[in-house]
Amino acid sequence: MLQTILQQLVPPLIDAVVPLLLAFLSAVILRLTGFEIEAKHRAALQSALANAAKLLLMPGTSVDDAIDYVERSVPDALTRFKARDRPRIAELLAPHIAALSLSGPAASKEPAGA
């Protein structure tokens, strides 16, 4: 009798649980890979901005050259973060330029006890 009841209940139960489990797993995988892609874009953008700021240390380069560099280096990341316009790239570039200008003179000085 128990076997008959299980034979009647288990197939519909499996039919209901398996699609729910697959949907849940699909959502988890999509969420994990989506975050991973965003992290890669963020890291690439930050690297390109840092390199563009260093480009400004070369004589004869301008902020426009740095912005061009960022646009060429990471177009997908700029699209992902909706930062395709030049003023927005300049805004993102400004802290990197400021960090270089602050660390530049201090980095060349030797410590007092040397």
PDB file of N, CA and C in Angstrom:
ATOM      1  N   MET A   1       0.812  -1.193   0.000  1.00  0.00           N
ATOM      2  CA  MET A   1       0.000   0.000   0.000  1.00  0.00           C
ATOM      3  C   MET A   1       0.861   1.266   0.000  1.00  0.00           C
ATOM      4  N   LEU A   2       1.904   1.277   0.847  1.00  0.00           N
ATOM      5  CA  LEU A   2       2.826   2.417   0.890  1.00  0.00           C
ATOM      6  C   LEU A   2       3.511   2.588  -0.463  1.00  0.00           C
ATOM      7  N   GLN A   3       3.875   1.470  -1.054  1.00  0.00           N
ATOM      8  CA  GLN A   3       4.530   1.520  -2.363  1.00  0.00           C
ATOM      9  C   GLN A   3       3.604   2.139  -3.411  1.00  0.00           C
ATOM     10  N   THR A   4       2.358   1.819  -3.385  1.00  0.00           N
ATOM     11  CA  THR A   4       1.377   2.353  -4.329  1.00  0.00           C
ATOM     12  C   THR A   4       1.217   3.858  -4.139  1.00  0.00           C
ATOM     13  N   ILE A   5       1.187   4.286  -2.883  1.00  0.00           N
ATOM     14  CA  ILE A   5       1.058   5.720  -2.593  1.00  0.00           C
ATOM     15  C   ILE A   5       2.294   6.465  -3.095  1.00  0.00           C
ATOM     16  N   LEU A   6       3.474   5.914  -2.824  1.00  0.00           N
ATOM     17  CA  LEU A   6       4.719   6.551  -3.281  1.00  0.00           C
ATOM     18  C   LEU A   6       4.792   6.596  -4.808  1.00  0.00           C
ATOM     19  N   GLN A   7       4.357   5.540  -5.445  1.00  0.00           N
ATOM     20  CA  GLN A   7       4.359   5.518  -6.905  1.00  0.00           C
ATOM     21  C   GLN A   7       3.423   6.589  -7.475  1.00  0.00           C
ATOM     22  N   GLN A   8       2.391   6.897  -6.744  1.00  0.00           N
ATOM     23  CA  GLN A   8       1.443   7.913  -7.202  1.00  0.00           C
ATOM     24  C   GLN A   8       1.946   9.334  -6.904  1.00  0.00           C
ATOM     25  N   LEU A   9       2.667   9.536  -5.798  1.00  0.00           N
ATOM     26  CA  LEU A   9       3.071  10.877  -5.362  1.00  0.00           C
ATOM     27  C   LEU A   9       4.435  11.332  -5.886  1.00  0.00           C
ATOM     28  N   VAL A  10       5.372  10.426  -5.973  1.00  0.00           N
ATOM     29  CA  VAL A  10       6.752  10.811  -6.308  1.00  0.00           C
ATOM     30  C   VAL A  10       6.879  11.424  -7.708  1.00  0.00           C
ATOM     31  N   PRO A  11       6.340  10.841  -8.760  1.00  0.00           N
ATOM     32  CA  PRO A  11       6.518  11.457 -10.085  1.00  0.00           C
ATOM     33  C   PRO A  11       5.995  12.893 -10.187  1.00  0.00           C
ATOM     34  N   PRO A  12       4.784  13.204  -9.697  1.00  0.00           N
ATOM     35  CA  PRO A  12       4.345  14.599  -9.780  1.00  0.00           C
ATOM     36  C   PRO A  12       5.185  15.529  -8.907  1.00  0.00           C
ATOM     37  N   LEU A  13       5.651  15.007  -7.767  1.00  0.00           N
ATOM     38  CA  LEU A  13       6.501  15.802  -6.889  1.00  0.00           C
ATOM     39  C   LEU A  13       7.825  16.127  -7.582  1.00  0.00           C
ATOM     40  N   ILE A  14       8.411  15.146  -8.236  1.00  0.00           N
ATOM     41  CA  ILE A  14       9.656  15.369  -8.981  1.00  0.00           C
ATOM     42  C   ILE A  14       9.416  16.340 -10.130  1.00  0.00           C
ATOM     43  N   ASP A  15       8.276  16.180 -10.801  1.00  0.00           N
ATOM     44  CA  ASP A  15       7.947  17.087 -11.901  1.00  0.00           C
ATOM     45  C   ASP A  15       7.824  18.533 -11.427  1.00  0.00           C
ATOM     46  N   ALA A  16       7.427  18.737 -10.205  1.00  0.00           N
ATOM     47  CA  ALA A  16       7.284  20.091  -9.677  1.00  0.00           C
ATOM     48  C   ALA A  16       8.602  20.631  -9.131  1.00  0.00           C
ATOM     49  N   VAL A  17       9.387  19.791  -8.482  1.00  0.00           N
ATOM     50  CA  VAL A  17      10.613  20.240  -7.808  1.00  0.00           C
ATOM     51  C   VAL A  17      11.760  20.459  -8.791  1.00  0.00           C
ATOM     52  N   VAL A  18      11.943  19.617  -9.753  1.00  0.00           N
ATOM     53  CA  VAL A  18      13.080  19.718 -10.676  1.00  0.00           C
ATOM     54  C   VAL A  18      13.089  21.045 -11.445  1.00  0.00           C
ATOM     55  N   PRO A  19      11.992  21.488 -12.038  1.00  0.00           N
ATOM     56  CA  PRO A  19      12.036  22.784 -12.728  1.00  0.00           C
ATOM     57  C   PRO A  19      12.323  23.951 -11.781  1.00  0.00           C
ATOM     58  N   LEU A  20      11.790  23.885 -10.569  1.00  0.00           N
ATOM     59  CA  LEU A  20      12.081  24.942  -9.597  1.00  0.00           C
ATOM     60  C   LEU A  20      13.554  24.958  -9.233  1.00  0.00           C
ATOM     61  N   LEU A  21      14.127  23.794  -9.038  1.00  0.00           N
ATOM     62  CA  LEU A  21      15.543  23.686  -8.722  1.00  0.00           C
ATOM     63  C   LEU A  21      16.406  24.194  -9.883  1.00  0.00           C
ATOM     64  N   LEU A  22      16.060  23.835 -11.098  1.00  0.00           N
ATOM     65  CA  LEU A  22      16.800  24.308 -12.266  1.00  0.00           C
ATOM     66  C   LEU A  22      16.688  25.828 -12.422  1.00  0.00           C
ATOM     67  N   ALA A  23      15.527  26.382 -12.183  1.00  0.00           N
ATOM     68  CA  ALA A  23      15.355  27.833 -12.262  1.00  0.00           C
ATOM     69  C   ALA A  23      16.199  28.531 -11.209  1.00  0.00           C
ATOM     70  N   PHE A  24      16.218  27.995 -10.009  1.00  0.00           N
ATOM     71  CA  PHE A  24      17.021  28.572  -8.934  1.00  0.00           C
ATOM     72  C   PHE A  24      18.507  28.526  -9.280  1.00  0.00           C
ATOM     73  N   LEU A  25      18.972  27.375  -9.734  1.00  0.00           N
ATOM     74  CA  LEU A  25      20.387  27.238 -10.100  1.00  0.00           C
ATOM     75  C   LEU A  25      20.763  28.166 -11.259  1.00  0.00           C
ATOM     76  N   SER A  26      19.884  28.299 -12.214  1.00  0.00           N
ATOM     77  CA  SER A  26      20.142  29.208 -13.337  1.00  0.00           C
ATOM     78  C   SER A  26      20.256  30.646 -12.855  1.00  0.00           C
ATOM     79  N   ALA A  27      19.387  31.049 -11.956  1.00  0.00           N
ATOM     80  CA  ALA A  27      19.434  32.412 -11.416  1.00  0.00           C
ATOM     81  C   ALA A  27      20.722  32.647 -10.647  1.00  0.00           C
ATOM     82  N   VAL A  28      21.159  31.674  -9.874  1.00  0.00           N
ATOM     83  CA  VAL A  28      22.396  31.807  -9.102  1.00  0.00           C
ATOM     84  C   VAL A  28      23.596  31.926 -10.041  1.00  0.00           C
ATOM     85  N   ILE A  29      23.648  31.099 -11.044  1.00  0.00           N
ATOM     86  CA  ILE A  29      24.771  31.136 -11.992  1.00  0.00           C
ATOM     87  C   ILE A  29      24.798  32.466 -12.739  1.00  0.00           C
ATOM     88  N   LEU A  30      23.650  32.920 -13.177  1.00  0.00           N
ATOM     89  CA  LEU A  30      23.582  34.196 -13.881  1.00  0.00           C
ATOM     90  C   LEU A  30      24.038  35.335 -12.983  1.00  0.00           C
ATOM     91  N   ARG A  31      23.616  35.315 -11.753  1.00  0.00           N
ATOM     92  CA  ARG A  31      23.997  36.373 -10.822  1.00  0.00           C
ATOM     93  C   ARG A  31      25.501  36.354 -10.563  1.00  0.00           C
ATOM     94  N   LEU A  32      26.073  35.177 -10.364  1.00  0.00           N
ATOM     95  CA  LEU A  32      27.512  35.066 -10.107  1.00  0.00           C
ATOM     96  C   LEU A  32      28.324  35.524 -11.312  1.00  0.00           C
ATOM     97  N   THR A  33      27.962  35.091 -12.477  1.00  0.00           N
ATOM     98  CA  THR A  33      28.737  35.480 -13.654  1.00  0.00           C
ATOM     99  C   THR A  33      28.533  36.951 -13.979  1.00  0.00           C
ATOM    100  N   GLY A  34      27.363  37.485 -13.707  1.00  0.00           N
ATOM    101  CA  GLY A  34      27.122  38.909 -13.933  1.00  0.00           C
ATOM    102  C   GLY A  34      28.005  39.765 -13.051  1.00  0.00           C
ATOM    103  N   PHE A  35      28.149  39.396 -11.792  1.00  0.00           N
ATOM    104  CA  PHE A  35      29.010  40.138 -10.882  1.00  0.00           C
ATOM    105  C   PHE A  35      30.468  40.003 -11.293  1.00  0.00           C
ATOM    106  N   GLU A  36      30.835  38.819 -11.762  1.00  0.00           N
ATOM    107  CA  GLU A  36      32.216  38.599 -12.174  1.00  0.00           C
ATOM    108  C   GLU A  36      32.557  39.467 -13.384  1.00  0.00           C
ATOM    109  N   ILE A  37      31.642  39.555 -14.317  1.00  0.00           N
ATOM    110  CA  ILE A  37      31.870  40.382 -15.505  1.00  0.00           C
ATOM    111  C   ILE A  37      31.991  41.846 -15.103  1.00  0.00           C
ATOM    112  N   GLU A  38      31.122  42.294 -14.205  1.00  0.00           N
ATOM    113  CA  GLU A  38      31.181  43.686 -13.760  1.00  0.00           C
ATOM    114  C   GLU A  38      32.504  43.978 -13.058  1.00  0.00           C
ATOM    115  N   ALA A  39      32.969  43.054 -12.252  1.00  0.00           N
ATOM    116  CA  ALA A  39      34.246  43.241 -11.556  1.00  0.00           C
ATOM    117  C   ALA A  39      35.399  43.332 -12.554  1.00  0.00           C
ATOM    118  N   LYS A  40      35.355  42.524 -13.593  1.00  0.00           N
ATOM    119  CA  LYS A  40      36.413  42.578 -14.615  1.00  0.00           C
ATOM    120  C   LYS A  40      36.381  43.911 -15.356  1.00  0.00           C
ATOM    121  N   HIS A  41      35.180  44.386 -15.688  1.00  0.00           N
ATOM    122  CA  HIS A  41      35.071  45.692 -16.350  1.00  0.00           C
ATOM    123  C   HIS A  41      35.571  46.811 -15.442  1.00  0.00           C
ATOM    124  N   ARG A  42      35.222  46.755 -14.167  1.00  0.00           N
ATOM    125  CA  ARG A  42      35.652  47.781 -13.225  1.00  0.00           C
ATOM    126  C   ARG A  42      37.172  47.799 -13.092  1.00  0.00           C
ATOM    127  N   ALA A  43      37.776  46.618 -12.964  1.00  0.00           N
ATOM    128  CA  ALA A  43      39.234  46.538 -12.846  1.00  0.00           C
ATOM    129  C   ALA A  43      39.916  47.041 -14.115  1.00  0.00           C
ATOM    130  N   ALA A  44      39.387  46.680 -15.265  1.00  0.00           N
ATOM    131  CA  ALA A  44      39.974  47.133 -16.527  1.00  0.00           C
ATOM    132  C   ALA A  44      39.863  48.645 -16.670  1.00  0.00           C
ATOM    133  N   LEU A  45      38.712  49.204 -16.296  1.00  0.00           N
ATOM    134  CA  LEU A  45      38.528  50.647 -16.383  1.00  0.00           C
ATOM    135  C   LEU A  45      39.477  51.380 -15.446  1.00  0.00           C
ATOM    136  N   GLN A  46      39.603  50.898 -14.218  1.00  0.00           N
ATOM    137  CA  GLN A  46      40.505  51.550 -13.265  1.00  0.00           C
ATOM    138  C   GLN A  46      41.956  51.472 -13.736  1.00  0.00           C
ATOM    139  N   SER A  47      42.339  50.366 -14.300  1.00  0.00           N
ATOM    140  CA  SER A  47      43.692  50.215 -14.830  1.00  0.00           C
ATOM    141  C   SER A  47      43.933  51.177 -15.994  1.00  0.00           C
ATOM    142  N   ALA A  48      42.962  51.275 -16.901  1.00  0.00           N
ATOM    143  CA  ALA A  48      43.097  52.187 -18.040  1.00  0.00           C
ATOM    144  C   ALA A  48      43.159  53.639 -17.569  1.00  0.00           C
ATOM    145  N   LEU A  49      42.367  53.988 -16.558  1.00  0.00           N
ATOM    146  CA  LEU A  49      42.399  55.360 -16.034  1.00  0.00           C
ATOM    147  C   LEU A  49      43.759  55.659 -15.382  1.00  0.00           C
ATOM    148  N   ALA A  50      44.289  54.700 -14.644  1.00  0.00           N
ATOM    149  CA  ALA A  50      45.600  54.889 -14.015  1.00  0.00           C
ATOM    150  C   ALA A  50      46.695  55.036 -15.079  1.00  0.00           C
ATOM    151  N   ASN A  51      46.640  54.208 -16.111  1.00  0.00           N
ATOM    152  CA  ASN A  51      47.637  54.306 -17.190  1.00  0.00           C
ATOM    153  C   ASN A  51      47.488  55.613 -17.958  1.00  0.00           C
ATOM    154  N   ALA A  52      46.261  56.063 -18.157  1.00  0.00           N
ATOM    155  CA  ALA A  52      46.033  57.328 -18.856  1.00  0.00           C
ATOM    156  C   ALA A  52      46.587  58.493 -18.046  1.00  0.00           C
ATOM    157  N   ALA A  53      46.439  58.433 -16.731  1.00  0.00           N
ATOM    158  CA  ALA A  53      46.999  59.485 -15.875  1.00  0.00           C
ATOM    159  C   ALA A  53      48.523  59.486 -15.962  1.00  0.00           C
ATOM    160  N   LYS A  54      49.121  58.309 -16.007  1.00  0.00           N
ATOM    161  CA  LYS A  54      50.583  58.222 -16.151  1.00  0.00           C
ATOM    162  C   LYS A  54      51.030  58.748 -17.509  1.00  0.00           C
ATOM    163  N   LEU A  55      50.188  58.592 -18.514  1.00  0.00           N
ATOM    164  CA  LEU A  55      50.489  59.108 -19.847  1.00  0.00           C
ATOM    165  C   LEU A  55      50.692  60.622 -19.799  1.00  0.00           C
ATOM    166  N   LEU A  56      49.977  61.285 -18.900  1.00  0.00           N
ATOM    167  CA  LEU A  56      50.087  62.743 -18.786  1.00  0.00           C
ATOM    168  C   LEU A  56      51.444  63.189 -18.252  1.00  0.00           C
ATOM    169  N   LEU A  57      52.220  62.282 -17.696  1.00  0.00           N
ATOM    170  CA  LEU A  57      53.558  62.628 -17.219  1.00  0.00           C
ATOM    171  C   LEU A  57      54.536  62.817 -18.378  1.00  0.00           C
ATOM    172  N   MET A  58      54.172  62.292 -19.531  1.00  0.00           N
ATOM    173  CA  MET A  58      55.036  62.439 -20.711  1.00  0.00           C
ATOM    174  C   MET A  58      54.878  63.847 -21.278  1.00  0.00           C
ATOM    175  N   PRO A  59      55.988  64.451 -21.706  1.00  0.00           N
ATOM    176  CA  PRO A  59      55.892  65.802 -22.274  1.00  0.00           C
ATOM    177  C   PRO A  59      55.049  65.812 -23.548  1.00  0.00           C
ATOM    178  N   GLY A  60      54.263  66.862 -23.700  1.00  0.00           N
ATOM    179  CA  GLY A  60      53.486  67.047 -24.919  1.00  0.00           C
ATOM    180  C   GLY A  60      52.159  66.320 -24.950  1.00  0.00           C
ATOM    181  N   THR A  61      51.759  65.700 -23.851  1.00  0.00           N
ATOM    182  CA  THR A  61      50.463  65.024 -23.832  1.00  0.00           C
ATOM    183  C   THR A  61      49.441  65.885 -23.094  1.00  0.00           C
ATOM    184  N   SER A  62      48.187  65.685 -23.451  1.00  0.00           N
ATOM    185  CA  SER A  62      47.121  66.477 -22.849  1.00  0.00           C
ATOM    186  C   SER A  62      46.064  65.543 -22.260  1.00  0.00           C
ATOM    187  N   VAL A  63      45.117  66.129 -21.569  1.00  0.00           N
ATOM    188  CA  VAL A  63      44.006  65.352 -21.018  1.00  0.00           C
ATOM    189  C   VAL A  63      43.226  64.697 -22.158  1.00  0.00           C
ATOM    190  N   ASP A  64      43.136  65.371 -23.302  1.00  0.00           N
ATOM    191  CA  ASP A  64      42.447  64.770 -24.451  1.00  0.00           C
ATOM    192  C   ASP A  64      43.143  63.485 -24.898  1.00  0.00           C
ATOM    193  N   ASP A  65      44.478  63.481 -24.856  1.00  0.00           N
ATOM    194  CA  ASP A  65      45.216  62.262 -25.203  1.00  0.00           C
ATOM    195  C   ASP A  65      44.901  61.142 -24.212  1.00  0.00           C
ATOM    196  N   ALA A  66      44.810  61.494 -22.935  1.00  0.00           N
ATOM    197  CA  ALA A  66      44.499  60.500 -21.906  1.00  0.00           C
ATOM    198  C   ALA A  66      43.089  59.952 -22.096  1.00  0.00           C
ATOM    199  N   ILE A  67      42.150  60.818 -22.407  1.00  0.00           N
ATOM    200  CA  ILE A  67      40.768  60.380 -22.637  1.00  0.00           C
ATOM    201  C   ILE A  67      40.709  59.469 -23.859  1.00  0.00           C
ATOM    202  N   ASP A  68      41.422  59.836 -24.922  1.00  0.00           N
ATOM    203  CA  ASP A  68      41.482  58.979 -26.112  1.00  0.00           C
ATOM    204  C   ASP A  68      42.016  57.595 -25.759  1.00  0.00           C
ATOM    205  N   TYR A  69      43.048  57.564 -24.914  1.00  0.00           N
ATOM    206  CA  TYR A  69      43.635  56.293 -24.492  1.00  0.00           C
ATOM    207  C   TYR A  69      42.591  55.425 -23.782  1.00  0.00           C
ATOM    208  N   VAL A  70      41.848  56.023 -22.864  1.00  0.00           N
ATOM    209  CA  VAL A  70      40.823  55.269 -22.123  1.00  0.00           C
ATOM    210  C   VAL A  70      39.752  54.763 -23.091  1.00  0.00           C
ATOM    211  N   GLU A  71      39.316  55.616 -24.019  1.00  0.00           N
ATOM    212  CA  GLU A  71      38.287  55.202 -24.981  1.00  0.00           C
ATOM    213  C   GLU A  71      38.751  54.033 -25.842  1.00  0.00           C
ATOM    214  N   ARG A  72      40.010  54.046 -26.241  1.00  0.00           N
ATOM    215  CA  ARG A  72      40.550  52.949 -27.058  1.00  0.00           C
ATOM    216  C   ARG A  72      40.774  51.684 -26.238  1.00  0.00           C
ATOM    217  N   SER A  73      41.164  51.839 -24.978  1.00  0.00           N
ATOM    218  CA  SER A  73      41.554  50.691 -24.158  1.00  0.00           C
ATOM    219  C   SER A  73      40.377  49.866 -23.652  1.00  0.00           C
ATOM    220  N   VAL A  74      39.333  50.531 -23.187  1.00  0.00           N
ATOM    221  CA  VAL A  74      38.248  49.799 -22.532  1.00  0.00           C
ATOM    222  C   VAL A  74      36.863  50.262 -22.996  1.00  0.00           C
ATOM    223  N   PRO A  75      36.569  50.145 -24.289  1.00  0.00           N
ATOM    224  CA  PRO A  75      35.262  50.606 -24.763  1.00  0.00           C
ATOM    225  C   PRO A  75      34.095  49.829 -24.150  1.00  0.00           C
ATOM    226  N   ASP A  76      34.281  48.524 -23.918  1.00  0.00           N
ATOM    227  CA  ASP A  76      33.199  47.725 -23.331  1.00  0.00           C
ATOM    228  C   ASP A  76      32.898  48.156 -21.900  1.00  0.00           C
ATOM    229  N   ALA A  77      33.936  48.429 -21.135  1.00  0.00           N
ATOM    230  CA  ALA A  77      33.734  48.859 -19.746  1.00  0.00           C
ATOM    231  C   ALA A  77      33.048  50.225 -19.707  1.00  0.00           C
ATOM    232  N   LEU A  78      33.440  51.123 -20.606  1.00  0.00           N
ATOM    233  CA  LEU A  78      32.798  52.437 -20.654  1.00  0.00           C
ATOM    234  C   LEU A  78      31.317  52.307 -20.990  1.00  0.00           C
ATOM    235  N   THR A  79      31.004  51.417 -21.902  1.00  0.00           N
ATOM    236  CA  THR A  79      29.605  51.181 -22.263  1.00  0.00           C
ATOM    237  C   THR A  79      28.847  50.572 -21.080  1.00  0.00           C
ATOM    238  N   ARG A  80      29.466  49.624 -20.420  1.00  0.00           N
ATOM    239  CA  ARG A  80      28.826  48.941 -19.279  1.00  0.00           C
ATOM    240  C   ARG A  80      28.451  49.930 -18.174  1.00  0.00           C
ATOM    241  N   PHE A  81      29.359  50.898 -17.900  1.00  0.00           N
ATOM    242  CA  PHE A  81      29.119  51.855 -16.818  1.00  0.00           C
ATOM    243  C   PHE A  81      28.540  53.177 -17.320  1.00  0.00           C
ATOM    244  N   LYS A  82      28.104  53.187 -18.582  1.00  0.00           N
ATOM    245  CA  LYS A  82      27.474  54.375 -19.182  1.00  0.00           C
ATOM    246  C   LYS A  82      28.359  55.614 -19.025  1.00  0.00           C
ATOM    247  N   ALA A  83      29.617  55.448 -19.388  1.00  0.00           N
ATOM    248  CA  ALA A  83      30.589  56.533 -19.269  1.00  0.00           C
ATOM    249  C   ALA A  83      31.260  56.805 -20.611  1.00  0.00           C
ATOM    250  N   ARG A  84      30.493  56.767 -21.690  1.00  0.00           N
ATOM    251  CA  ARG A  84      31.063  56.934 -23.026  1.00  0.00           C
ATOM    252  C   ARG A  84      31.380  58.384 -23.377  1.00  0.00           C
ATOM    253  N   ASP A  85      30.782  59.357 -22.686  1.00  0.00           N
ATOM    254  CA  ASP A  85      31.025  60.753 -23.072  1.00  0.00           C
ATOM    255  C   ASP A  85      32.331  61.252 -22.438  1.00  0.00           C
ATOM    256  N   ARG A  86      32.995  62.142 -23.143  1.00  0.00           N
ATOM    257  CA  ARG A  86      34.317  62.625 -22.745  1.00  0.00           C
ATOM    258  C   ARG A  86      34.314  63.359 -21.394  1.00  0.00           C
ATOM    259  N   PRO A  87      33.311  64.192 -21.085  1.00  0.00           N
ATOM    260  CA  PRO A  87      33.317  64.830 -19.765  1.00  0.00           C
ATOM    261  C   PRO A  87      33.254  63.816 -18.617  1.00  0.00           C
ATOM    262  N   ARG A  88      32.498  62.739 -18.807  1.00  0.00           N
ATOM    263  CA  ARG A  88      32.417  61.720 -17.756  1.00  0.00           C
ATOM    264  C   ARG A  88      33.750  61.000 -17.602  1.00  0.00           C
ATOM    265  N   ILE A  89      34.443  60.722 -18.708  1.00  0.00           N
ATOM    266  CA  ILE A  89      35.753  60.070 -18.629  1.00  0.00           C
ATOM    267  C   ILE A  89      36.736  61.002 -17.935  1.00  0.00           C
ATOM    268  N   ALA A  90      36.685  62.295 -18.259  1.00  0.00           N
ATOM    269  CA  ALA A  90      37.571  63.268 -17.597  1.00  0.00           C
ATOM    270  C   ALA A  90      37.288  63.308 -16.095  1.00  0.00           C
ATOM    271  N   GLU A  91      36.020  63.197 -15.732  1.00  0.00           N
ATOM    272  CA  GLU A  91      35.642  63.180 -14.316  1.00  0.00           C
ATOM    273  C   GLU A  91      36.218  61.941 -13.615  1.00  0.00           C
ATOM    274  N   LEU A  92      36.156  60.802 -14.289  1.00  0.00           N
ATOM    275  CA  LEU A  92      36.720  59.577 -13.727  1.00  0.00           C
ATOM    276  C   LEU A  92      38.246  59.624 -13.678  1.00  0.00           C
ATOM    277  N   LEU A  93      38.838  60.338 -14.597  1.00  0.00           N
ATOM    278  CA  LEU A  93      40.291  60.439 -14.701  1.00  0.00           C
ATOM    279  C   LEU A  93      40.886  61.384 -13.655  1.00  0.00           C
ATOM    280  N   ALA A  94      40.121  62.371 -13.239  1.00  0.00           N
ATOM    281  CA  ALA A  94      40.621  63.418 -12.339  1.00  0.00           C
ATOM    282  C   ALA A  94      41.254  62.879 -11.049  1.00  0.00           C
ATOM    283  N   PRO A  95      40.644  61.950 -10.333  1.00  0.00           N
ATOM    284  CA  PRO A  95      41.288  61.451  -9.111  1.00  0.00           C
ATOM    285  C   PRO A  95      42.621  60.756  -9.375  1.00  0.00           C
ATOM    286  N   HIS A  96      42.737  60.101 -10.500  1.00  0.00           N
ATOM    287  CA  HIS A  96      43.990  59.428 -10.836  1.00  0.00           C
ATOM    288  C   HIS A  96      45.087  60.456 -11.120  1.00  0.00           C
ATOM    289  N   ILE A  97      44.715  61.529 -11.785  1.00  0.00           N
ATOM    290  CA  ILE A  97      45.668  62.609 -12.053  1.00  0.00           C
ATOM    291  C   ILE A  97      46.088  63.263 -10.737  1.00  0.00           C
ATOM    292  N   ALA A  98      45.112  63.517  -9.874  1.00  0.00           N
ATOM    293  CA  ALA A  98      45.409  64.132  -8.580  1.00  0.00           C
ATOM    294  C   ALA A  98      46.324  63.243  -7.739  1.00  0.00           C
ATOM    295  N   ALA A  99      46.081  61.945  -7.765  1.00  0.00           N
ATOM    296  CA  ALA A  99      46.920  61.026  -6.995  1.00  0.00           C
ATOM    297  C   ALA A  99      48.359  61.044  -7.498  1.00  0.00           C
ATOM    298  N   LEU A 100      48.534  61.124  -8.798  1.00  0.00           N
ATOM    299  CA  LEU A 100      49.894  61.189  -9.349  1.00  0.00           C
ATOM    300  C   LEU A 100      50.564  62.509  -9.006  1.00  0.00           C
ATOM    301  N   SER A 101      49.810  63.592  -9.067  1.00  0.00           N
ATOM    302  CA  SER A 101      50.424  64.891  -8.783  1.00  0.00           C
ATOM    303  C   SER A 101      50.785  65.004  -7.303  1.00  0.00           C
ATOM    304  N   LEU A 102      50.035  64.341  -6.426  1.00  0.00           N
ATOM    305  CA  LEU A 102      50.362  64.361  -5.000  1.00  0.00           C
ATOM    306  C   LEU A 102      51.538  63.454  -4.678  1.00  0.00           C
ATOM    307  N   SER A 103      51.602  62.305  -5.316  1.00  0.00           N
ATOM    308  CA  SER A 103      52.676  61.360  -5.013  1.00  0.00           C
ATOM    309  C   SER A 103      53.943  61.636  -5.807  1.00  0.00           C
ATOM    310  N   GLY A 104      53.844  62.387  -6.882  1.00  0.00           N
ATOM    311  CA  GLY A 104      55.009  62.647  -7.729  1.00  0.00           C
ATOM    312  C   GLY A 104      56.168  63.317  -7.004  1.00  0.00           C
ATOM    313  N   PRO A 105      56.026  64.538  -6.469  1.00  0.00           N
ATOM    314  CA  PRO A 105      57.137  65.199  -5.810  1.00  0.00           C
ATOM    315  C   PRO A 105      57.573  64.490  -4.534  1.00  0.00           C
ATOM    316  N   ALA A 106      56.640  63.950  -3.765  1.00  0.00           N
ATOM    317  CA  ALA A 106      56.979  63.287  -2.515  1.00  0.00           C
ATOM    318  C   ALA A 106      57.752  61.999  -2.777  1.00  0.00           C
ATOM    319  N   ALA A 107      57.447  61.326  -3.856  1.00  0.00           N
ATOM    320  CA  ALA A 107      58.115  60.071  -4.163  1.00  0.00           C
ATOM    321  C   ALA A 107      59.567  60.286  -4.553  1.00  0.00           C
ATOM    322  N   SER A 108      59.904  61.475  -5.093  1.00  0.00           N
ATOM    323  CA  SER A 108      61.279  61.697  -5.532  1.00  0.00           C
ATOM    324  C   SER A 108      62.179  62.158  -4.390  1.00  0.00           C
ATOM    325  N   LYS A 109      61.623  62.621  -3.280  1.00  0.00           N
ATOM    326  CA  LYS A 109      62.422  63.051  -2.139  1.00  0.00           C
ATOM    327  C   LYS A 109      62.894  61.842  -1.359  1.00  0.00           C
ATOM    328  N   GLU A 110      64.133  61.941  -0.852  1.00  0.00           N
ATOM    329  CA  GLU A 110      64.652  60.859  -0.027  1.00  0.00           C
ATOM    330  C   GLU A 110      64.300  61.118   1.419  1.00  0.00           C
ATOM    331  N   PRO A 111      64.197  60.064   2.236  1.00  0.00           N
ATOM    332  CA  PRO A 111      63.911  60.259   3.654  1.00  0.00           C
ATOM    333  C   PRO A 111      65.010  61.058   4.332  1.00  0.00           C
ATOM    334  N   ALA A 112      64.664  61.726   5.425  1.00  0.00           N
ATOM    335  CA  ALA A 112      65.595  62.621   6.110  1.00  0.00           C
ATOM    336  C   ALA A 112      66.833  61.907   6.633  1.00  0.00           C
ATOM    337  N   GLY A 113      66.724  60.659   7.053  1.00  0.00           N
ATOM    338  CA  GLY A 113      67.857  59.943   7.633  1.00  0.00           C
ATOM    339  C   GLY A 113      68.732  59.252   6.617  1.00  0.00           C
ATOM    340  N   ALA A 114      68.499  59.359   5.341  1.00  0.00           N
ATOM    341  CA  ALA A 114      69.241  58.581   4.338  1.00  0.00           C
ATOM    342  C   ALA A 114      70.553  59.191   3.989  1.00  0.00           C
TER     343      ALA A 114
END
